[in-house]
Amino acid sequence: MIGDGQHLDGFEAPLHRSLTEPILLGGAPRAIAIVNGTVAAALGLGLQQWIAGVLVWAVGHTIAVFAAKRDPDFAPVLARHLRQRGYLAC
């Protein structure tokens, strides 16, 4: 019955697009963008090094955007790689 295009009542669930797409802020993963902005703000406001803070933010965000274009889940993959570095080594 299902193969011919009929639907059974009560067995349908909508799949929203927001559940399948990564959460990005300005093209970078949300967590990376927040950490990058926090570090840049601490450098710019806390140490009063405005130019260095803006440069750290711009470079960090640009790198995160390029990495997210290649793989939106690069941050968890990188963390796993660093944590399990020698696991599969000979």
PDB file of N, CA and C in Angstrom:
ATOM      1  N   MET A   1       0.804  -1.198   0.000  1.00  0.00           N
ATOM      2  CA  MET A   1       0.000   0.000   0.000  1.00  0.00           C
ATOM      3  C   MET A   1       0.849   1.265   0.000  1.00  0.00           C
ATOM      4  N   ILE A   2       1.975   1.213   0.643  1.00  0.00           N
ATOM      5  CA  ILE A   2       2.790   2.417   0.745  1.00  0.00           C
ATOM      6  C   ILE A   2       3.515   2.695  -0.568  1.00  0.00           C
ATOM      7  N   GLY A   3       3.887   1.645  -1.289  1.00  0.00           N
ATOM      8  CA  GLY A   3       4.645   1.816  -2.512  1.00  0.00           C
ATOM      9  C   GLY A   3       3.874   2.486  -3.637  1.00  0.00           C
ATOM     10  N   ASP A   4       2.549   2.471  -3.578  1.00  0.00           N
ATOM     11  CA  ASP A   4       1.772   3.068  -4.659  1.00  0.00           C
ATOM     12  C   ASP A   4       1.415   4.528  -4.417  1.00  0.00           C
ATOM     13  N   GLY A   5       2.064   5.177  -3.465  1.00  0.00           N
ATOM     14  CA  GLY A   5       1.877   6.603  -3.262  1.00  0.00           C
ATOM     15  C   GLY A   5       0.864   6.969  -2.206  1.00  0.00           C
ATOM     16  N   GLN A   6       0.216   5.991  -1.578  1.00  0.00           N
ATOM     17  CA  GLN A   6      -0.751   6.301  -0.537  1.00  0.00           C
ATOM     18  C   GLN A   6      -0.025   6.518   0.789  1.00  0.00           C
ATOM     19  N   HIS A   7      -0.581   7.382   1.608  1.00  0.00           N
ATOM     20  CA  HIS A   7      -0.002   7.676   2.911  1.00  0.00           C
ATOM     21  C   HIS A   7      -0.911   7.124   3.998  1.00  0.00           C
ATOM     22  N   LEU A   8      -0.310   6.565   5.020  1.00  0.00           N
ATOM     23  CA  LEU A   8      -1.071   6.095   6.168  1.00  0.00           C
ATOM     24  C   LEU A   8      -1.268   7.254   7.130  1.00  0.00           C
ATOM     25  N   ASP A   9      -2.476   7.387   7.626  1.00  0.00           N
ATOM     26  CA  ASP A   9      -2.773   8.479   8.555  1.00  0.00           C
ATOM     27  C   ASP A   9      -2.003   8.289   9.857  1.00  0.00           C
ATOM     28  N   GLY A  10      -1.405   9.363  10.333  1.00  0.00           N
ATOM     29  CA  GLY A  10      -0.678   9.331  11.596  1.00  0.00           C
ATOM     30  C   GLY A  10       0.779   8.949  11.470  1.00  0.00           C
ATOM     31  N   PHE A  11       1.243   8.603  10.275  1.00  0.00           N
ATOM     32  CA  PHE A  11       2.623   8.194  10.085  1.00  0.00           C
ATOM     33  C   PHE A  11       3.390   9.178   9.205  1.00  0.00           C
ATOM     34  N   GLU A  12       3.010  10.426   9.253  1.00  0.00           N
ATOM     35  CA  GLU A  12       3.699  11.460   8.500  1.00  0.00           C
ATOM     36  C   GLU A  12       4.261  12.473   9.471  1.00  0.00           C
ATOM     37  N   ALA A  13       5.470  12.907   9.206  1.00  0.00           N
ATOM     38  CA  ALA A  13       6.091  13.936  10.037  1.00  0.00           C
ATOM     39  C   ALA A  13       6.794  14.920   9.114  1.00  0.00           C
ATOM     40  N   PRO A  14       6.571  16.207   9.310  1.00  0.00           N
ATOM     41  CA  PRO A  14       7.252  17.185   8.458  1.00  0.00           C
ATOM     42  C   PRO A  14       8.739  17.261   8.806  1.00  0.00           C
ATOM     43  N   LEU A  15       9.558  17.405   7.800  1.00  0.00           N
ATOM     44  CA  LEU A  15      10.992  17.576   8.003  1.00  0.00           C
ATOM     45  C   LEU A  15      11.320  19.015   7.623  1.00  0.00           C
ATOM     46  N   HIS A  16      11.536  19.833   8.624  1.00  0.00           N
ATOM     47  CA  HIS A  16      11.799  21.241   8.381  1.00  0.00           C
ATOM     48  C   HIS A  16      13.242  21.446   7.926  1.00  0.00           C
ATOM     49  N   ARG A  17      13.433  22.404   7.071  1.00  0.00           N
ATOM     50  CA  ARG A  17      14.751  22.692   6.524  1.00  0.00           C
ATOM     51  C   ARG A  17      15.730  23.129   7.604  1.00  0.00           C
ATOM     52  N   SER A  18      15.231  23.779   8.647  1.00  0.00           N
ATOM     53  CA  SER A  18      16.110  24.260   9.709  1.00  0.00           C
ATOM     54  C   SER A  18      16.728  23.117  10.506  1.00  0.00           C
ATOM     55  N   LEU A  19      16.159  21.932  10.440  1.00  0.00           N
ATOM     56  CA  LEU A  19      16.716  20.787  11.155  1.00  0.00           C
ATOM     57  C   LEU A  19      17.860  20.129  10.402  1.00  0.00           C
ATOM     58  N   THR A  20      18.009  20.435   9.133  1.00  0.00           N
ATOM     59  CA  THR A  20      19.025  19.776   8.323  1.00  0.00           C
ATOM     60  C   THR A  20      20.204  20.674   7.981  1.00  0.00           C
ATOM     61  N   GLU A  21      20.079  21.973   8.189  1.00  0.00           N
ATOM     62  CA  GLU A  21      21.153  22.893   7.837  1.00  0.00           C
ATOM     63  C   GLU A  21      21.966  23.270   9.067  1.00  0.00           C
ATOM     64  N   PRO A  22      23.271  23.486   8.916  1.00  0.00           N
ATOM     65  CA  PRO A  22      24.091  23.896  10.059  1.00  0.00           C
ATOM     66  C   PRO A  22      23.768  25.326  10.493  1.00  0.00           C
ATOM     67  N   ILE A  23      24.003  25.618  11.762  1.00  0.00           N
ATOM     68  CA  ILE A  23      23.761  26.956  12.297  1.00  0.00           C
ATOM     69  C   ILE A  23      25.032  27.777  12.091  1.00  0.00           C
ATOM     70  N   LEU A  24      24.945  28.801  11.254  1.00  0.00           N
ATOM     71  CA  LEU A  24      26.099  29.625  10.922  1.00  0.00           C
ATOM     72  C   LEU A  24      25.829  31.077  11.305  1.00  0.00           C
ATOM     73  N   LEU A  25      26.871  31.766  11.716  1.00  0.00           N
ATOM     74  CA  LEU A  25      26.822  33.210  11.963  1.00  0.00           C
ATOM     75  C   LEU A  25      27.794  33.867  10.996  1.00  0.00           C
ATOM     76  N   GLY A  26      27.275  34.545  10.020  1.00  0.00           N
ATOM     77  CA  GLY A  26      28.134  35.195   9.037  1.00  0.00           C
ATOM     78  C   GLY A  26      28.932  34.207   8.210  1.00  0.00           C
ATOM     79  N   GLY A  27      28.428  32.985   8.055  1.00  0.00           N
ATOM     80  CA  GLY A  27      29.116  31.977   7.266  1.00  0.00           C
ATOM     81  C   GLY A  27      30.015  31.070   8.068  1.00  0.00           C
ATOM     82  N   ALA A  28      30.263  31.384   9.329  1.00  0.00           N
ATOM     83  CA  ALA A  28      31.106  30.559  10.195  1.00  0.00           C
ATOM     84  C   ALA A  28      30.216  29.805  11.179  1.00  0.00           C
ATOM     85  N   PRO A  29      30.650  28.630  11.632  1.00  0.00           N
ATOM     86  CA  PRO A  29      29.858  27.917  12.636  1.00  0.00           C
ATOM     87  C   PRO A  29      29.630  28.787  13.871  1.00  0.00           C
ATOM     88  N   ARG A  30      28.456  28.658  14.471  1.00  0.00           N
ATOM     89  CA  ARG A  30      28.029  29.535  15.562  1.00  0.00           C
ATOM     90  C   ARG A  30      29.022  29.534  16.721  1.00  0.00           C
ATOM     91  N   ALA A  31      29.437  28.368  17.182  1.00  0.00           N
ATOM     92  CA  ALA A  31      30.339  28.290  18.336  1.00  0.00           C
ATOM     93  C   ALA A  31      31.694  28.923  18.026  1.00  0.00           C
ATOM     94  N   ILE A  32      32.216  28.669  16.835  1.00  0.00           N
ATOM     95  CA  ILE A  32      33.510  29.237  16.450  1.00  0.00           C
ATOM     96  C   ILE A  32      33.406  30.753  16.341  1.00  0.00           C
ATOM     97  N   ALA A  33      32.313  31.254  15.777  1.00  0.00           N
ATOM     98  CA  ALA A  33      32.136  32.706  15.647  1.00  0.00           C
ATOM     99  C   ALA A  33      32.041  33.377  17.014  1.00  0.00           C
ATOM    100  N   ILE A  34      31.352  32.739  17.966  1.00  0.00           N
ATOM    101  CA  ILE A  34      31.231  33.319  19.305  1.00  0.00           C
ATOM    102  C   ILE A  34      32.572  33.328  20.017  1.00  0.00           C
ATOM    103  N   VAL A  35      33.313  32.231  19.946  1.00  0.00           N
ATOM    104  CA  VAL A  35      34.638  32.177  20.588  1.00  0.00           C
ATOM    105  C   VAL A  35      35.581  33.183  19.941  1.00  0.00           C
ATOM    106  N   ASN A  36      35.560  33.266  18.622  1.00  0.00           N
ATOM    107  CA  ASN A  36      36.419  34.205  17.909  1.00  0.00           C
ATOM    108  C   ASN A  36      36.092  35.644  18.294  1.00  0.00           C
ATOM    109  N   GLY A  37      34.814  35.976  18.347  1.00  0.00           N
ATOM    110  CA  GLY A  37      34.414  37.327  18.742  1.00  0.00           C
ATOM    111  C   GLY A  37      34.771  37.643  20.183  1.00  0.00           C
ATOM    112  N   THR A  38      34.650  36.656  21.069  1.00  0.00           N
ATOM    113  CA  THR A  38      34.998  36.864  22.473  1.00  0.00           C
ATOM    114  C   THR A  38      36.489  37.108  22.647  1.00  0.00           C
ATOM    115  N   VAL A  39      37.301  36.320  21.963  1.00  0.00           N
ATOM    116  CA  VAL A  39      38.757  36.509  22.049  1.00  0.00           C
ATOM    117  C   VAL A  39      39.152  37.860  21.464  1.00  0.00           C
ATOM    118  N   ALA A  40      38.566  38.223  20.333  1.00  0.00           N
ATOM    119  CA  ALA A  40      38.884  39.511  19.717  1.00  0.00           C
ATOM    120  C   ALA A  40      38.434  40.667  20.603  1.00  0.00           C
ATOM    121  N   ALA A  41      37.269  40.539  21.241  1.00  0.00           N
ATOM    122  CA  ALA A  41      36.791  41.594  22.135  1.00  0.00           C
ATOM    123  C   ALA A  41      37.667  41.698  23.375  1.00  0.00           C
ATOM    124  N   ALA A  42      38.105  40.568  23.906  1.00  0.00           N
ATOM    125  CA  ALA A  42      38.993  40.598  25.069  1.00  0.00           C
ATOM    126  C   ALA A  42      40.316  41.260  24.716  1.00  0.00           C
ATOM    127  N   LEU A  43      40.812  40.972  23.541  1.00  0.00           N
ATOM    128  CA  LEU A  43      42.060  41.588  23.101  1.00  0.00           C
ATOM    129  C   LEU A  43      41.868  43.074  22.831  1.00  0.00           C
ATOM    130  N   GLY A  44      40.791  43.422  22.145  1.00  0.00           N
ATOM    131  CA  GLY A  44      40.563  44.821  21.782  1.00  0.00           C
ATOM    132  C   GLY A  44      40.135  45.693  22.939  1.00  0.00           C
ATOM    133  N   LEU A  45      39.241  45.186  23.777  1.00  0.00           N
ATOM    134  CA  LEU A  45      38.731  45.997  24.883  1.00  0.00           C
ATOM    135  C   LEU A  45      39.563  45.827  26.150  1.00  0.00           C
ATOM    136  N   GLY A  46      39.888  44.585  26.475  1.00  0.00           N
ATOM    137  CA  GLY A  46      40.612  44.323  27.719  1.00  0.00           C
ATOM    138  C   GLY A  46      42.042  44.821  27.693  1.00  0.00           C
ATOM    139  N   LEU A  47      42.740  44.533  26.635  1.00  0.00           N
ATOM    140  CA  LEU A  47      44.137  44.957  26.527  1.00  0.00           C
ATOM    141  C   LEU A  47      44.286  46.282  25.790  1.00  0.00           C
ATOM    142  N   GLN A  48      43.184  46.843  25.334  1.00  0.00           N
ATOM    143  CA  GLN A  48      43.142  48.110  24.611  1.00  0.00           C
ATOM    144  C   GLN A  48      44.034  48.097  23.366  1.00  0.00           C
ATOM    145  N   GLN A  49      44.015  46.979  22.688  1.00  0.00           N
ATOM    146  CA  GLN A  49      44.740  46.825  21.430  1.00  0.00           C
ATOM    147  C   GLN A  49      43.694  46.681  20.317  1.00  0.00           C
ATOM    148  N   TRP A  50      43.084  47.805  19.926  1.00  0.00           N
ATOM    149  CA  TRP A  50      41.969  47.796  18.994  1.00  0.00           C
ATOM    150  C   TRP A  50      42.337  47.186  17.648  1.00  0.00           C
ATOM    151  N   ILE A  51      43.455  47.572  17.108  1.00  0.00           N
ATOM    152  CA  ILE A  51      43.842  47.086  15.777  1.00  0.00           C
ATOM    153  C   ILE A  51      44.109  45.588  15.818  1.00  0.00           C
ATOM    154  N   ALA A  52      44.799  45.137  16.853  1.00  0.00           N
ATOM    155  CA  ALA A  52      45.072  43.702  16.980  1.00  0.00           C
ATOM    156  C   ALA A  52      43.773  42.913  17.152  1.00  0.00           C
ATOM    157  N   GLY A  53      42.827  43.439  17.915  1.00  0.00           N
ATOM    158  CA  GLY A  53      41.544  42.768  18.100  1.00  0.00           C
ATOM    159  C   GLY A  53      40.764  42.643  16.808  1.00  0.00           C
ATOM    160  N   VAL A  54      40.737  43.710  16.034  1.00  0.00           N
ATOM    161  CA  VAL A  54      40.032  43.679  14.748  1.00  0.00           C
ATOM    162  C   VAL A  54      40.722  42.717  13.788  1.00  0.00           C
ATOM    163  N   LEU A  55      42.046  42.708  13.778  1.00  0.00           N
ATOM    164  CA  LEU A  55      42.779  41.790  12.904  1.00  0.00           C
ATOM    165  C   LEU A  55      42.551  40.335  13.302  1.00  0.00           C
ATOM    166  N   VAL A  56      42.580  40.047  14.600  1.00  0.00           N
ATOM    167  CA  VAL A  56      42.331  38.677  15.068  1.00  0.00           C
ATOM    168  C   VAL A  56      40.930  38.234  14.670  1.00  0.00           C
ATOM    169  N   TRP A  57      39.950  39.129  14.841  1.00  0.00           N
ATOM    170  CA  TRP A  57      38.583  38.778  14.472  1.00  0.00           C
ATOM    171  C   TRP A  57      38.463  38.541  12.965  1.00  0.00           C
ATOM    172  N   ALA A  58      39.016  39.440  12.157  1.00  0.00           N
ATOM    173  CA  ALA A  58      38.884  39.329  10.700  1.00  0.00           C
ATOM    174  C   ALA A  58      39.572  38.073  10.168  1.00  0.00           C
ATOM    175  N   VAL A  59      40.780  37.815  10.631  1.00  0.00           N
ATOM    176  CA  VAL A  59      41.511  36.636  10.155  1.00  0.00           C
ATOM    177  C   VAL A  59      40.834  35.354  10.642  1.00  0.00           C
ATOM    178  N   GLY A  60      40.461  35.312  11.911  1.00  0.00           N
ATOM    179  CA  GLY A  60      39.809  34.121  12.455  1.00  0.00           C
ATOM    180  C   GLY A  60      38.475  33.830  11.797  1.00  0.00           C
ATOM    181  N   HIS A  61      37.694  34.868  11.564  1.00  0.00           N
ATOM    182  CA  HIS A  61      36.387  34.673  10.939  1.00  0.00           C
ATOM    183  C   HIS A  61      36.542  34.250   9.479  1.00  0.00           C
ATOM    184  N   THR A  62      37.508  34.825   8.783  1.00  0.00           N
ATOM    185  CA  THR A  62      37.744  34.451   7.386  1.00  0.00           C
ATOM    186  C   THR A  62      38.149  32.990   7.275  1.00  0.00           C
ATOM    187  N   ILE A  63      39.044  32.547   8.138  1.00  0.00           N
ATOM    188  CA  ILE A  63      39.466  31.143   8.125  1.00  0.00           C
ATOM    189  C   ILE A  63      38.283  30.227   8.442  1.00  0.00           C
ATOM    190  N   ALA A  64      37.463  30.615   9.413  1.00  0.00           N
ATOM    191  CA  ALA A  64      36.301  29.797   9.779  1.00  0.00           C
ATOM    192  C   ALA A  64      35.284  29.731   8.645  1.00  0.00           C
ATOM    193  N   VAL A  65      35.099  30.822   7.920  1.00  0.00           N
ATOM    194  CA  VAL A  65      34.155  30.824   6.793  1.00  0.00           C
ATOM    195  C   VAL A  65      34.664  29.924   5.675  1.00  0.00           C
ATOM    196  N   PHE A  66      35.954  30.001   5.353  1.00  0.00           N
ATOM    197  CA  PHE A  66      36.503  29.134   4.308  1.00  0.00           C
ATOM    198  C   PHE A  66      36.398  27.670   4.700  1.00  0.00           C
ATOM    199  N   ALA A  67      36.673  27.362   5.965  1.00  0.00           N
ATOM    200  CA  ALA A  67      36.572  25.975   6.421  1.00  0.00           C
ATOM    201  C   ALA A  67      35.119  25.502   6.418  1.00  0.00           C
ATOM    202  N   ALA A  68      34.182  26.370   6.789  1.00  0.00           N
ATOM    203  CA  ALA A  68      32.769  25.990   6.817  1.00  0.00           C
ATOM    204  C   ALA A  68      32.203  25.810   5.413  1.00  0.00           C
ATOM    205  N   LYS A  69      32.733  26.525   4.436  1.00  0.00           N
ATOM    206  CA  LYS A  69      32.283  26.314   3.060  1.00  0.00           C
ATOM    207  C   LYS A  69      32.687  24.924   2.580  1.00  0.00           C
ATOM    208  N   ARG A  70      33.844  24.475   3.008  1.00  0.00           N
ATOM    209  CA  ARG A  70      34.317  23.147   2.615  1.00  0.00           C
ATOM    210  C   ARG A  70      33.591  22.043   3.377  1.00  0.00           C
ATOM    211  N   ASP A  71      33.429  22.230   4.705  1.00  0.00           N
ATOM    212  CA  ASP A  71      32.739  21.251   5.547  1.00  0.00           C
ATOM    213  C   ASP A  71      32.114  21.981   6.728  1.00  0.00           C
ATOM    214  N   PRO A  72      30.789  22.098   6.783  1.00  0.00           N
ATOM    215  CA  PRO A  72      30.149  22.836   7.878  1.00  0.00           C
ATOM    216  C   PRO A  72      30.401  22.229   9.256  1.00  0.00           C
ATOM    217  N   ASP A  73      30.765  20.955   9.318  1.00  0.00           N
ATOM    218  CA  ASP A  73      31.031  20.294  10.597  1.00  0.00           C
ATOM    219  C   ASP A  73      32.527  20.156  10.856  1.00  0.00           C
ATOM    220  N   PHE A  74      33.317  21.116  10.403  1.00  0.00           N
ATOM    221  CA  PHE A  74      34.760  20.987  10.566  1.00  0.00           C
ATOM    222  C   PHE A  74      35.198  21.095  12.020  1.00  0.00           C
ATOM    223  N   ALA A  75      34.493  21.843  12.841  1.00  0.00           N
ATOM    224  CA  ALA A  75      34.914  22.035  14.232  1.00  0.00           C
ATOM    225  C   ALA A  75      34.850  20.738  15.040  1.00  0.00           C
ATOM    226  N   PRO A  76      33.744  19.983  15.020  1.00  0.00           N
ATOM    227  CA  PRO A  76      33.752  18.715  15.753  1.00  0.00           C
ATOM    228  C   PRO A  76      34.742  17.704  15.185  1.00  0.00           C
ATOM    229  N   VAL A  77      34.923  17.719  13.868  1.00  0.00           N
ATOM    230  CA  VAL A  77      35.879  16.802  13.252  1.00  0.00           C
ATOM    231  C   VAL A  77      37.299  17.152  13.684  1.00  0.00           C
ATOM    232  N   LEU A  78      37.627  18.432  13.719  1.00  0.00           N
ATOM    233  CA  LEU A  78      38.955  18.858  14.162  1.00  0.00           C
ATOM    234  C   LEU A  78      39.183  18.511  15.630  1.00  0.00           C
ATOM    235  N   ALA A  79      38.179  18.726  16.471  1.00  0.00           N
ATOM    236  CA  ALA A  79      38.310  18.386  17.892  1.00  0.00           C
ATOM    237  C   ALA A  79      38.513  16.886  18.076  1.00  0.00           C
ATOM    238  N   ARG A  80      37.781  16.078  17.326  1.00  0.00           N
ATOM    239  CA  ARG A  80      37.939  14.628  17.410  1.00  0.00           C
ATOM    240  C   ARG A  80      39.309  14.200  16.916  1.00  0.00           C
ATOM    241  N   HIS A  81      39.793  14.834  15.855  1.00  0.00           N
ATOM    242  CA  HIS A  81      41.119  14.515  15.327  1.00  0.00           C
ATOM    243  C   HIS A  81      42.203  14.821  16.356  1.00  0.00           C
ATOM    244  N   LEU A  82      42.096  15.960  17.018  1.00  0.00           N
ATOM    245  CA  LEU A  82      43.102  16.318  18.016  1.00  0.00           C
ATOM    246  C   LEU A  82      43.023  15.421  19.248  1.00  0.00           C
ATOM    247  N   ARG A  83      41.821  14.991  19.613  1.00  0.00           N
ATOM    248  CA  ARG A  83      41.647  14.147  20.787  1.00  0.00           C
ATOM    249  C   ARG A  83      42.108  12.710  20.521  1.00  0.00           C
ATOM    250  N   GLN A  84      41.883  12.182  19.323  1.00  0.00           N
ATOM    251  CA  GLN A  84      42.216  10.796  18.996  1.00  0.00           C
ATOM    252  C   GLN A  84      43.354  10.731  17.982  1.00  0.00           C
ATOM    253  N   ARG A  85      44.345  11.531  18.166  1.00  0.00           N
ATOM    254  CA  ARG A  85      45.419  11.667  17.188  1.00  0.00           C
ATOM    255  C   ARG A  85      46.126  10.346  16.902  1.00  0.00           C
ATOM    256  N   GLY A  86      46.581   9.627  17.917  1.00  0.00           N
ATOM    257  CA  GLY A  86      47.354   8.408  17.694  1.00  0.00           C
ATOM    258  C   GLY A  86      46.540   7.141  17.763  1.00  0.00           C
ATOM    259  N   TYR A  87      45.222   7.226  17.724  1.00  0.00           N
ATOM    260  CA  TYR A  87      44.378   6.050  17.903  1.00  0.00           C
ATOM    261  C   TYR A  87      44.570   5.038  16.778  1.00  0.00           C
ATOM    262  N   LEU A  88      44.627   5.485  15.544  1.00  0.00           N
ATOM    263  CA  LEU A  88      44.763   4.580  14.410  1.00  0.00           C
ATOM    264  C   LEU A  88      46.178   4.558  13.838  1.00  0.00           C
ATOM    265  N   ALA A  89      47.130   5.106  14.555  1.00  0.00           N
ATOM    266  CA  ALA A  89      48.510   5.130  14.063  1.00  0.00           C
ATOM    267  C   ALA A  89      49.145   3.750  14.187  1.00  0.00           C
ATOM    268  N   CYS A  90      50.127   3.490  13.341  1.00  0.00           N
ATOM    269  CA  CYS A  90      50.823   2.197  13.379  1.00  0.00           C
ATOM    270  C   CYS A  90      51.828   2.148  14.505  1.00  0.00           C
TER     271      CYS A  90
END
